[in-house]
């Protein structure tokens, strides 16, 4: 009886060990957050945010660069929150730049 249980026990322990090993290696890579932040960054750049709202653009640009650095260094949890922050700042820069551009009379609504 013990000889039959030993191989089953060894297989069960091996399966549990491999399950634990592979489950601990799963990491969320914030590709969606990066893509959204990049789109917002490009939109703010296209709206000429650096010219119309340089202070807001500076903060947005710095935030995006910090997020990229964290991503390259594989600090994915940190980069996720930084990409979200960068997206919000870039959207703010784009909106403020469009408003300033419209108020200056350069663009007709």
PDB file of N, CA and C in Angstrom:
ATOM      1  N   UNK A   1       0.821  -1.194   0.000  1.00  0.00           N
ATOM      2  CA  UNK A   1       0.000   0.000   0.000  1.00  0.00           C
ATOM      3  C   UNK A   1       0.868   1.262   0.000  1.00  0.00           C
ATOM      4  N   UNK A   2       1.913   1.265   0.784  1.00  0.00           N
ATOM      5  CA  UNK A   2       2.800   2.417   0.871  1.00  0.00           C
ATOM      6  C   UNK A   2       3.533   2.656  -0.455  1.00  0.00           C
ATOM      7  N   UNK A   3       3.861   1.581  -1.177  1.00  0.00           N
ATOM      8  CA  UNK A   3       4.540   1.702  -2.460  1.00  0.00           C
ATOM      9  C   UNK A   3       3.638   2.350  -3.509  1.00  0.00           C
ATOM     10  N   UNK A   4       2.353   2.176  -3.428  1.00  0.00           N
ATOM     11  CA  UNK A   4       1.412   2.771  -4.379  1.00  0.00           C
ATOM     12  C   UNK A   4       1.224   4.248  -4.060  1.00  0.00           C
ATOM     13  N   UNK A   5       1.176   4.597  -2.806  1.00  0.00           N
ATOM     14  CA  UNK A   5       0.971   5.991  -2.402  1.00  0.00           C
ATOM     15  C   UNK A   5       2.212   6.851  -2.637  1.00  0.00           C
ATOM     16  N   UNK A   6       3.378   6.292  -2.552  1.00  0.00           N
ATOM     17  CA  UNK A   6       4.603   7.070  -2.704  1.00  0.00           C
ATOM     18  C   UNK A   6       4.700   7.728  -4.082  1.00  0.00           C
ATOM     19  N   UNK A   7       4.496   7.019  -5.207  1.00  0.00           N
ATOM     20  CA  UNK A   7       4.559   7.702  -6.501  1.00  0.00           C
ATOM     21  C   UNK A   7       3.461   8.755  -6.661  1.00  0.00           C
ATOM     22  N   UNK A   8       2.287   8.486  -6.146  1.00  0.00           N
ATOM     23  CA  UNK A   8       1.197   9.461  -6.226  1.00  0.00           C
ATOM     24  C   UNK A   8       1.540  10.691  -5.401  1.00  0.00           C
ATOM     25  N   UNK A   9       2.112  10.479  -4.241  1.00  0.00           N
ATOM     26  CA  UNK A   9       2.502  11.585  -3.368  1.00  0.00           C
ATOM     27  C   UNK A   9       3.610  12.420  -4.016  1.00  0.00           C
ATOM     28  N   UNK A  10       4.567  11.761  -4.652  1.00  0.00           N
ATOM     29  CA  UNK A  10       5.663  12.473  -5.321  1.00  0.00           C
ATOM     30  C   UNK A  10       5.116  13.322  -6.475  1.00  0.00           C
ATOM     31  N   UNK A  11       4.208  12.775  -7.250  1.00  0.00           N
ATOM     32  CA  UNK A  11       3.607  13.502  -8.364  1.00  0.00           C
ATOM     33  C   UNK A  11       2.795  14.689  -7.847  1.00  0.00           C
ATOM     34  N   UNK A  12       2.038  14.485  -6.779  1.00  0.00           N
ATOM     35  CA  UNK A  12       1.235  15.568  -6.207  1.00  0.00           C
ATOM     36  C   UNK A  12       2.115  16.695  -5.694  1.00  0.00           C
ATOM     37  N   UNK A  13       3.190  16.344  -5.029  1.00  0.00           N
ATOM     38  CA  UNK A  13       4.104  17.371  -4.509  1.00  0.00           C
ATOM     39  C   UNK A  13       4.784  18.111  -5.673  1.00  0.00           C
ATOM     40  N   UNK A  14       5.156  17.384  -6.714  1.00  0.00           N
ATOM     41  CA  UNK A  14       5.779  18.020  -7.879  1.00  0.00           C
ATOM     42  C   UNK A  14       4.805  18.973  -8.568  1.00  0.00           C
ATOM     43  N   UNK A  15       3.545  18.568  -8.689  1.00  0.00           N
ATOM     44  CA  UNK A  15       2.546  19.442  -9.310  1.00  0.00           C
ATOM     45  C   UNK A  15       2.293  20.690  -8.478  1.00  0.00           C
ATOM     46  N   UNK A  16       2.184  20.523  -7.179  1.00  0.00           N
ATOM     47  CA  UNK A  16       1.970  21.685  -6.301  1.00  0.00           C
ATOM     48  C   UNK A  16       3.175  22.622  -6.325  1.00  0.00           C
ATOM     49  N   UNK A  17       4.366  22.043  -6.341  1.00  0.00           N
ATOM     50  CA  UNK A  17       5.580  22.864  -6.397  1.00  0.00           C
ATOM     51  C   UNK A  17       5.677  23.649  -7.690  1.00  0.00           C
ATOM     52  N   UNK A  18       5.374  23.005  -8.810  1.00  0.00           N
ATOM     53  CA  UNK A  18       5.431  23.716 -10.089  1.00  0.00           C
ATOM     54  C   UNK A  18       4.331  24.764 -10.192  1.00  0.00           C
ATOM     55  N   UNK A  19       3.167  24.476  -9.634  1.00  0.00           N
ATOM     56  CA  UNK A  19       2.085  25.466  -9.623  1.00  0.00           C
ATOM     57  C   UNK A  19       2.504  26.701  -8.837  1.00  0.00           C
ATOM     58  N   UNK A  20       3.116  26.502  -7.687  1.00  0.00           N
ATOM     59  CA  UNK A  20       3.586  27.622  -6.873  1.00  0.00           C
ATOM     60  C   UNK A  20       4.672  28.404  -7.600  1.00  0.00           C
ATOM     61  N   UNK A  21       5.585  27.680  -8.238  1.00  0.00           N
ATOM     62  CA  UNK A  21       6.698  28.318  -8.940  1.00  0.00           C
ATOM     63  C   UNK A  21       6.204  29.188 -10.087  1.00  0.00           C
ATOM     64  N   UNK A  22       5.293  28.669 -10.906  1.00  0.00           N
ATOM     65  CA  UNK A  22       4.816  29.426 -12.052  1.00  0.00           C
ATOM     66  C   UNK A  22       3.837  30.525 -11.675  1.00  0.00           C
ATOM     67  N   UNK A  23       3.101  30.351 -10.617  1.00  0.00           N
ATOM     68  CA  UNK A  23       2.154  31.396 -10.221  1.00  0.00           C
ATOM     69  C   UNK A  23       2.867  32.601  -9.632  1.00  0.00           C
ATOM     70  N   UNK A  24       4.024  32.399  -9.057  1.00  0.00           N
ATOM     71  CA  UNK A  24       4.759  33.527  -8.482  1.00  0.00           C
ATOM     72  C   UNK A  24       5.490  34.338  -9.546  1.00  0.00           C
ATOM     73  N   UNK A  25       5.621  33.813 -10.752  1.00  0.00           N
ATOM     74  CA  UNK A  25       6.353  34.503 -11.811  1.00  0.00           C
ATOM     75  C   UNK A  25       5.454  35.348 -12.707  1.00  0.00           C
ATOM     76  N   UNK A  26       4.174  35.314 -12.490  1.00  0.00           N
ATOM     77  CA  UNK A  26       3.258  36.064 -13.336  1.00  0.00           C
ATOM     78  C   UNK A  26       3.337  37.542 -12.965  1.00  0.00           C
ATOM     79  N   UNK A  27       3.586  38.389 -13.964  1.00  0.00           N
ATOM     80  CA  UNK A  27       3.705  39.821 -13.750  1.00  0.00           C
ATOM     81  C   UNK A  27       2.826  40.540 -14.763  1.00  0.00           C
ATOM     82  N   UNK A  28       2.120  41.555 -14.283  1.00  0.00           N
ATOM     83  CA  UNK A  28       1.286  42.355 -15.166  1.00  0.00           C
ATOM     84  C   UNK A  28       2.148  43.431 -15.815  1.00  0.00           C
ATOM     85  N   UNK A  29       2.206  43.429 -17.129  1.00  0.00           N
ATOM     86  CA  UNK A  29       2.949  44.438 -17.884  1.00  0.00           C
ATOM     87  C   UNK A  29       1.939  45.481 -18.369  1.00  0.00           C
ATOM     88  N   UNK A  30       2.096  46.751 -17.976  1.00  0.00           N
ATOM     89  CA  UNK A  30       1.083  47.773 -18.262  1.00  0.00           C
ATOM     90  C   UNK A  30       1.125  48.307 -19.697  1.00  0.00           C
ATOM     91  N   UNK A  31       0.847  47.439 -20.652  1.00  0.00           N
ATOM     92  CA  UNK A  31       0.891  47.830 -22.057  1.00  0.00           C
ATOM     93  C   UNK A  31      -0.264  48.783 -22.389  1.00  0.00           C
ATOM     94  N   UNK A  32      -1.457  48.515 -21.864  1.00  0.00           N
ATOM     95  CA  UNK A  32      -2.604  49.383 -22.137  1.00  0.00           C
ATOM     96  C   UNK A  32      -2.375  50.794 -21.602  1.00  0.00           C
ATOM     97  N   UNK A  33      -1.855  50.882 -20.388  1.00  0.00           N
ATOM     98  CA  UNK A  33      -1.593  52.192 -19.793  1.00  0.00           C
ATOM     99  C   UNK A  33      -0.530  52.945 -20.590  1.00  0.00           C
ATOM    100  N   UNK A  34       0.474  52.215 -21.059  1.00  0.00           N
ATOM    101  CA  UNK A  34       1.536  52.824 -21.861  1.00  0.00           C
ATOM    102  C   UNK A  34       0.970  53.341 -23.183  1.00  0.00           C
ATOM    103  N   UNK A  35       0.126  52.553 -23.821  1.00  0.00           N
ATOM    104  CA  UNK A  35      -0.464  52.947 -25.095  1.00  0.00           C
ATOM    105  C   UNK A  35      -1.343  54.182 -24.947  1.00  0.00           C
ATOM    106  N   UNK A  36      -2.165  54.213 -23.909  1.00  0.00           N
ATOM    107  CA  UNK A  36      -3.034  55.373 -23.679  1.00  0.00           C
ATOM    108  C   UNK A  36      -2.214  56.623 -23.355  1.00  0.00           C
ATOM    109  N   UNK A  37      -1.177  56.450 -22.547  1.00  0.00           N
ATOM    110  CA  UNK A  37      -0.321  57.588 -22.204  1.00  0.00           C
ATOM    111  C   UNK A  37       0.404  58.105 -23.442  1.00  0.00           C
ATOM    112  N   UNK A  38       0.852  57.196 -24.291  1.00  0.00           N
ATOM    113  CA  UNK A  38       1.548  57.613 -25.519  1.00  0.00           C
ATOM    114  C   UNK A  38       0.612  58.372 -26.457  1.00  0.00           C
ATOM    115  N   UNK A  39      -0.631  57.911 -26.567  1.00  0.00           N
ATOM    116  CA  UNK A  39      -1.611  58.609 -27.403  1.00  0.00           C
ATOM    117  C   UNK A  39      -1.891  60.006 -26.869  1.00  0.00           C
ATOM    118  N   UNK A  40      -2.051  60.118 -25.556  1.00  0.00           N
ATOM    119  CA  UNK A  40      -2.297  61.425 -24.940  1.00  0.00           C
ATOM    120  C   UNK A  40      -1.083  62.330 -25.104  1.00  0.00           C
ATOM    121  N   UNK A  41       0.113  61.757 -24.986  1.00  0.00           N
ATOM    122  CA  UNK A  41       1.352  62.516 -25.163  1.00  0.00           C
ATOM    123  C   UNK A  41       1.446  63.068 -26.586  1.00  0.00           C
ATOM    124  N   UNK A  42       1.163  62.210 -27.559  1.00  0.00           N
ATOM    125  CA  UNK A  42       1.206  62.645 -28.963  1.00  0.00           C
ATOM    126  C   UNK A  42       0.161  63.712 -29.254  1.00  0.00           C
ATOM    127  N   UNK A  43      -1.025  63.571 -28.667  1.00  0.00           N
ATOM    128  CA  UNK A  43      -2.088  64.555 -28.882  1.00  0.00           C
ATOM    129  C   UNK A  43      -1.707  65.912 -28.294  1.00  0.00           C
ATOM    130  N   UNK A  44      -1.097  65.896 -27.112  1.00  0.00           N
ATOM    131  CA  UNK A  44      -0.663  67.157 -26.496  1.00  0.00           C
ATOM    132  C   UNK A  44       0.457  67.794 -27.311  1.00  0.00           C
ATOM    133  N   UNK A  45       1.325  66.972 -27.836  1.00  0.00           N
ATOM    134  CA  UNK A  45       2.417  67.471 -28.676  1.00  0.00           C
ATOM    135  C   UNK A  45       1.864  68.082 -29.958  1.00  0.00           C
ATOM    136  N   UNK A  46       0.875  67.417 -30.560  1.00  0.00           N
ATOM    137  CA  UNK A  46       0.242  67.930 -31.785  1.00  0.00           C
ATOM    138  C   UNK A  46      -0.528  69.225 -31.539  1.00  0.00           C
ATOM    139  N   UNK A  47      -1.037  69.394 -30.313  1.00  0.00           N
ATOM    140  CA  UNK A  47      -1.762  70.615 -29.965  1.00  0.00           C
ATOM    141  C   UNK A  47      -0.807  71.758 -29.632  1.00  0.00           C
ATOM    142  N   UNK A  48       0.491  71.494 -29.732  1.00  0.00           N
ATOM    143  CA  UNK A  48       1.530  72.499 -29.476  1.00  0.00           C
ATOM    144  C   UNK A  48       1.499  72.977 -28.020  1.00  0.00           C
ATOM    145  N   UNK A  49       1.357  72.003 -27.124  1.00  0.00           N
ATOM    146  CA  UNK A  49       1.282  72.317 -25.696  1.00  0.00           C
ATOM    147  C   UNK A  49       2.564  72.972 -25.186  1.00  0.00           C
ATOM    148  N   UNK A  50       3.694  72.618 -25.750  1.00  0.00           N
ATOM    149  CA  UNK A  50       4.962  73.207 -25.299  1.00  0.00           C
ATOM    150  C   UNK A  50       4.997  74.709 -25.537  1.00  0.00           C
ATOM    151  N   UNK A  51       4.283  75.168 -26.543  1.00  0.00           N
ATOM    152  CA  UNK A  51       4.254  76.602 -26.863  1.00  0.00           C
ATOM    153  C   UNK A  51       3.205  77.346 -26.047  1.00  0.00           C
ATOM    154  N   UNK A  52       2.015  76.759 -25.923  1.00  0.00           N
ATOM    155  CA  UNK A  52       0.894  77.478 -25.308  1.00  0.00           C
ATOM    156  C   UNK A  52       0.798  77.306 -23.795  1.00  0.00           C
ATOM    157  N   UNK A  53       1.176  76.165 -23.289  1.00  0.00           N
ATOM    158  CA  UNK A  53       1.124  75.923 -21.838  1.00  0.00           C
ATOM    159  C   UNK A  53       2.399  75.194 -21.402  1.00  0.00           C
ATOM    160  N   UNK A  54       3.524  75.892 -21.421  1.00  0.00           N
ATOM    161  CA  UNK A  54       4.803  75.227 -21.163  1.00  0.00           C
ATOM    162  C   UNK A  54       4.925  74.609 -19.774  1.00  0.00           C
ATOM    163  N   UNK A  55       4.333  75.215 -18.770  1.00  0.00           N
ATOM    164  CA  UNK A  55       4.448  74.654 -17.409  1.00  0.00           C
ATOM    165  C   UNK A  55       3.711  73.323 -17.305  1.00  0.00           C
ATOM    166  N   UNK A  56       2.515  73.267 -17.852  1.00  0.00           N
ATOM    167  CA  UNK A  56       1.745  72.017 -17.810  1.00  0.00           C
ATOM    168  C   UNK A  56       2.426  70.961 -18.674  1.00  0.00           C
ATOM    169  N   UNK A  57       2.917  71.380 -19.841  1.00  0.00           N
ATOM    170  CA  UNK A  57       3.593  70.449 -20.734  1.00  0.00           C
ATOM    171  C   UNK A  57       4.848  69.873 -20.085  1.00  0.00           C
ATOM    172  N   UNK A  58       5.597  70.714 -19.375  1.00  0.00           N
ATOM    173  CA  UNK A  58       6.805  70.250 -18.699  1.00  0.00           C
ATOM    174  C   UNK A  58       6.473  69.135 -17.719  1.00  0.00           C
ATOM    175  N   UNK A  59       5.428  69.327 -16.904  1.00  0.00           N
ATOM    176  CA  UNK A  59       5.024  68.303 -15.934  1.00  0.00           C
ATOM    177  C   UNK A  59       4.579  67.019 -16.635  1.00  0.00           C
ATOM    178  N   UNK A  60       3.828  67.165 -17.713  1.00  0.00           N
ATOM    179  CA  UNK A  60       3.347  65.997 -18.452  1.00  0.00           C
ATOM    180  C   UNK A  60       4.521  65.238 -19.081  1.00  0.00           C
ATOM    181  N   UNK A  61       5.437  65.969 -19.671  1.00  0.00           N
ATOM    182  CA  UNK A  61       6.592  65.357 -20.314  1.00  0.00           C
ATOM    183  C   UNK A  61       7.468  64.626 -19.295  1.00  0.00           C
ATOM    184  N   UNK A  62       7.728  65.268 -18.170  1.00  0.00           N
ATOM    185  CA  UNK A  62       8.529  64.648 -17.118  1.00  0.00           C
ATOM    186  C   UNK A  62       7.868  63.377 -16.593  1.00  0.00           C
ATOM    187  N   UNK A  63       6.576  63.441 -16.371  1.00  0.00           N
ATOM    188  CA  UNK A  63       5.845  62.283 -15.871  1.00  0.00           C
ATOM    189  C   UNK A  63       5.910  61.127 -16.860  1.00  0.00           C
ATOM    190  N   UNK A  64       5.746  61.429 -18.135  1.00  0.00           N
ATOM    191  CA  UNK A  64       5.807  60.384 -19.161  1.00  0.00           C
ATOM    192  C   UNK A  64       7.205  59.766 -19.229  1.00  0.00           C
ATOM    193  N   UNK A  65       8.224  60.588 -19.139  1.00  0.00           N
ATOM    194  CA  UNK A  65       9.597  60.073 -19.183  1.00  0.00           C
ATOM    195  C   UNK A  65       9.920  59.210 -17.960  1.00  0.00           C
ATOM    196  N   UNK A  66       9.424  59.604 -16.793  1.00  0.00           N
ATOM    197  CA  UNK A  66       9.618  58.787 -15.588  1.00  0.00           C
ATOM    198  C   UNK A  66       8.931  57.433 -15.728  1.00  0.00           C
ATOM    199  N   UNK A  67       7.743  57.439 -16.309  1.00  0.00           N
ATOM    200  CA  UNK A  67       7.012  56.188 -16.518  1.00  0.00           C
ATOM    201  C   UNK A  67       7.759  55.285 -17.483  1.00  0.00           C
ATOM    202  N   UNK A  68       8.299  55.853 -18.553  1.00  0.00           N
ATOM    203  CA  UNK A  68       9.079  55.064 -19.507  1.00  0.00           C
ATOM    204  C   UNK A  68      10.317  54.467 -18.841  1.00  0.00           C
ATOM    205  N   UNK A  69      10.970  55.243 -18.004  1.00  0.00           N
ATOM    206  CA  UNK A  69      12.162  54.758 -17.314  1.00  0.00           C
ATOM    207  C   UNK A  69      11.818  53.595 -16.384  1.00  0.00           C
ATOM    208  N   UNK A  70      10.732  53.742 -15.644  1.00  0.00           N
ATOM    209  CA  UNK A  70      10.301  52.659 -14.751  1.00  0.00           C
ATOM    210  C   UNK A  70       9.948  51.408 -15.548  1.00  0.00           C
ATOM    211  N   UNK A  71       9.333  51.594 -16.701  1.00  0.00           N
ATOM    212  CA  UNK A  71       8.965  50.467 -17.564  1.00  0.00           C
ATOM    213  C   UNK A  71      10.218  49.757 -18.077  1.00  0.00           C
ATOM    214  N   UNK A  72      11.198  50.530 -18.533  1.00  0.00           N
ATOM    215  CA  UNK A  72      12.446  49.933 -19.024  1.00  0.00           C
ATOM    216  C   UNK A  72      13.176  49.163 -17.926  1.00  0.00           C
ATOM    217  N   UNK A  73      13.058  49.650 -16.699  1.00  0.00           N
ATOM    218  CA  UNK A  73      13.712  48.994 -15.564  1.00  0.00           C
ATOM    219  C   UNK A  73      12.857  47.872 -14.977  1.00  0.00           C
ATOM    220  N   UNK A  74      11.763  47.570 -15.633  1.00  0.00           N
ATOM    221  CA  UNK A  74      10.844  46.492 -15.262  1.00  0.00           C
ATOM    222  C   UNK A  74      10.200  46.672 -13.895  1.00  0.00           C
ATOM    223  N   UNK A  75       9.998  47.913 -13.523  1.00  0.00           N
ATOM    224  CA  UNK A  75       9.233  48.226 -12.307  1.00  0.00           C
ATOM    225  C   UNK A  75       7.798  48.489 -12.762  1.00  0.00           C
ATOM    226  N   UNK A  76       7.092  47.413 -13.084  1.00  0.00           N
ATOM    227  CA  UNK A  76       5.813  47.508 -13.766  1.00  0.00           C
ATOM    228  C   UNK A  76       4.700  48.111 -12.909  1.00  0.00           C
ATOM    229  N   UNK A  77       4.679  47.802 -11.624  1.00  0.00           N
ATOM    230  CA  UNK A  77       3.641  48.381 -10.774  1.00  0.00           C
ATOM    231  C   UNK A  77       3.788  49.895 -10.708  1.00  0.00           C
ATOM    232  N   UNK A  78       5.017  50.347 -10.543  1.00  0.00           N
ATOM    233  CA  UNK A  78       5.277  51.786 -10.493  1.00  0.00           C
ATOM    234  C   UNK A  78       5.005  52.441 -11.838  1.00  0.00           C
ATOM    235  N   UNK A  79       5.422  51.780 -12.918  1.00  0.00           N
ATOM    236  CA  UNK A  79       5.222  52.370 -14.243  1.00  0.00           C
ATOM    237  C   UNK A  79       3.739  52.466 -14.586  1.00  0.00           C
ATOM    238  N   UNK A  80       2.937  51.525 -14.112  1.00  0.00           N
ATOM    239  CA  UNK A  80       1.498  51.588 -14.374  1.00  0.00           C
ATOM    240  C   UNK A  80       0.906  52.864 -13.789  1.00  0.00           C
ATOM    241  N   UNK A  81       1.185  53.138 -12.533  1.00  0.00           N
ATOM    242  CA  UNK A  81       0.632  54.345 -11.910  1.00  0.00           C
ATOM    243  C   UNK A  81       1.226  55.608 -12.536  1.00  0.00           C
ATOM    244  N   UNK A  82       2.494  55.570 -12.936  1.00  0.00           N
ATOM    245  CA  UNK A  82       3.103  56.732 -13.584  1.00  0.00           C
ATOM    246  C   UNK A  82       2.524  56.975 -14.972  1.00  0.00           C
ATOM    247  N   UNK A  83       2.228  55.910 -15.709  1.00  0.00           N
ATOM    248  CA  UNK A  83       1.601  56.078 -17.022  1.00  0.00           C
ATOM    249  C   UNK A  83       0.193  56.657 -16.884  1.00  0.00           C
ATOM    250  N   UNK A  84      -0.527  56.245 -15.867  1.00  0.00           N
ATOM    251  CA  UNK A  84      -1.867  56.800 -15.637  1.00  0.00           C
ATOM    252  C   UNK A  84      -1.763  58.285 -15.311  1.00  0.00           C
ATOM    253  N   UNK A  85      -0.810  58.632 -14.453  1.00  0.00           N
ATOM    254  CA  UNK A  85      -0.594  60.035 -14.098  1.00  0.00           C
ATOM    255  C   UNK A  85      -0.167  60.835 -15.335  1.00  0.00           C
ATOM    256  N   UNK A  86       0.717  60.270 -16.140  1.00  0.00           N
ATOM    257  CA  UNK A  86       1.188  60.951 -17.344  1.00  0.00           C
ATOM    258  C   UNK A  86       0.045  61.167 -18.330  1.00  0.00           C
ATOM    259  N   UNK A  87      -0.820  60.176 -18.474  1.00  0.00           N
ATOM    260  CA  UNK A  87      -1.964  60.325 -19.383  1.00  0.00           C
ATOM    261  C   UNK A  87      -2.849  61.479 -18.945  1.00  0.00           C
ATOM    262  N   UNK A  88      -3.123  61.571 -17.655  1.00  0.00           N
ATOM    263  CA  UNK A  88      -3.977  62.655 -17.147  1.00  0.00           C
ATOM    264  C   UNK A  88      -3.323  64.015 -17.375  1.00  0.00           C
ATOM    265  N   UNK A  89      -2.030  64.112 -17.107  1.00  0.00           N
ATOM    266  CA  UNK A  89      -1.327  65.378 -17.314  1.00  0.00           C
ATOM    267  C   UNK A  89      -1.248  65.752 -18.788  1.00  0.00           C
ATOM    268  N   UNK A  90      -1.045  64.771 -19.641  1.00  0.00           N
ATOM    269  CA  UNK A  90      -1.000  65.041 -21.086  1.00  0.00           C
ATOM    270  C   UNK A  90      -2.359  65.479 -21.607  1.00  0.00           C
ATOM    271  N   UNK A  91      -3.416  64.865 -21.104  1.00  0.00           N
ATOM    272  CA  UNK A  91      -4.761  65.285 -21.507  1.00  0.00           C
ATOM    273  C   UNK A  91      -5.043  66.709 -21.046  1.00  0.00           C
ATOM    274  N   UNK A  92      -4.590  67.028 -19.831  1.00  0.00           N
ATOM    275  CA  UNK A  92      -4.750  68.389 -19.323  1.00  0.00           C
ATOM    276  C   UNK A  92      -3.964  69.382 -20.181  1.00  0.00           C
ATOM    277  N   UNK A  93      -2.741  69.011 -20.551  1.00  0.00           N
ATOM    278  CA  UNK A  93      -1.906  69.884 -21.388  1.00  0.00           C
ATOM    279  C   UNK A  93      -2.539  70.082 -22.760  1.00  0.00           C
ATOM    280  N   UNK A  94      -3.079  69.008 -23.331  1.00  0.00           N
ATOM    281  CA  UNK A  94      -3.717  69.129 -24.643  1.00  0.00           C
ATOM    282  C   UNK A  94      -4.929  70.055 -24.577  1.00  0.00           C
ATOM    283  N   UNK A  95      -5.786  69.861 -23.590  1.00  0.00           N
ATOM    284  CA  UNK A  95      -6.986  70.692 -23.464  1.00  0.00           C
ATOM    285  C   UNK A  95      -6.638  72.154 -23.219  1.00  0.00           C
ATOM    286  N   UNK A  96      -5.667  72.389 -22.330  1.00  0.00           N
ATOM    287  CA  UNK A  96      -5.266  73.769 -22.035  1.00  0.00           C
ATOM    288  C   UNK A  96      -4.639  74.420 -23.266  1.00  0.00           C
ATOM    289  N   UNK A  97      -3.862  73.666 -24.028  1.00  0.00           N
ATOM    290  CA  UNK A  97      -3.232  74.217 -25.230  1.00  0.00           C
ATOM    291  C   UNK A  97      -4.273  74.552 -26.288  1.00  0.00           C
ATOM    292  N   UNK A  98      -5.243  73.685 -26.469  1.00  0.00           N
ATOM    293  CA  UNK A  98      -6.303  73.957 -27.452  1.00  0.00           C
ATOM    294  C   UNK A  98      -7.111  75.192 -27.052  1.00  0.00           C
ATOM    295  N   UNK A  99      -7.391  75.320 -25.759  1.00  0.00           N
ATOM    296  CA  UNK A  99      -8.134  76.475 -25.269  1.00  0.00           C
ATOM    297  C   UNK A  99      -7.322  77.756 -25.461  1.00  0.00           C
ATOM    298  N   UNK A 100      -6.055  77.717 -25.087  1.00  0.00           N
ATOM    299  CA  UNK A 100      -5.198  78.899 -25.239  1.00  0.00           C
ATOM    300  C   UNK A 100      -5.036  79.270 -26.713  1.00  0.00           C
ATOM    301  N   UNK A 101      -4.921  78.279 -27.532  1.00  0.00           N
ATOM    302  CA  UNK A 101      -4.794  78.532 -28.979  1.00  0.00           C
ATOM    303  C   UNK A 101      -6.055  79.165 -29.550  1.00  0.00           C
ATOM    304  N   UNK A 102      -7.198  78.673 -29.099  1.00  0.00           N
ATOM    305  CA  UNK A 102      -8.476  79.225 -29.562  1.00  0.00           C
ATOM    306  C   UNK A 102      -8.660  80.660 -29.045  1.00  0.00           C
ATOM    307  N   UNK A 103      -8.314  80.890 -27.786  1.00  0.00           N
ATOM    308  CA  UNK A 103      -8.473  82.220 -27.202  1.00  0.00           C
ATOM    309  C   UNK A 103      -7.536  83.232 -27.836  1.00  0.00           C
ATOM    310  N   UNK A 104      -6.416  82.767 -28.333  1.00  0.00           N
ATOM    311  CA  UNK A 104      -5.474  83.686 -28.973  1.00  0.00           C
ATOM    312  C   UNK A 104      -5.952  84.093 -30.371  1.00  0.00           C
ATOM    313  N   UNK A 105      -6.947  83.396 -30.885  1.00  0.00           N
ATOM    314  CA  UNK A 105      -7.495  83.697 -32.197  1.00  0.00           C
ATOM    315  C   UNK A 105      -6.763  83.027 -33.332  1.00  0.00           C
ATOM    316  N   UNK A 106      -5.825  82.170 -32.996  1.00  0.00           N
ATOM    317  CA  UNK A 106      -5.046  81.498 -34.022  1.00  0.00           C
ATOM    318  C   UNK A 106      -5.865  80.417 -34.741  1.00  0.00           C
ATOM    319  N   UNK A 107      -6.792  79.823 -34.015  1.00  0.00           N
ATOM    320  CA  UNK A 107      -7.617  78.760 -34.596  1.00  0.00           C
ATOM    321  C   UNK A 107      -9.068  79.182 -34.498  1.00  0.00           C
ATOM    322  N   UNK A 108      -9.765  79.053 -35.585  1.00  0.00           N
ATOM    323  CA  UNK A 108     -11.205  79.372 -35.612  1.00  0.00           C
ATOM    324  C   UNK A 108     -11.949  78.116 -35.175  1.00  0.00           C
ATOM    325  N   UNK A 109     -12.897  78.250 -34.230  1.00  0.00           N
ATOM    326  CA  UNK A 109     -13.608  77.065 -33.730  1.00  0.00           C
ATOM    327  C   UNK A 109     -14.417  76.333 -34.727  1.00  0.00           C
TER     328      UNK A 109
END
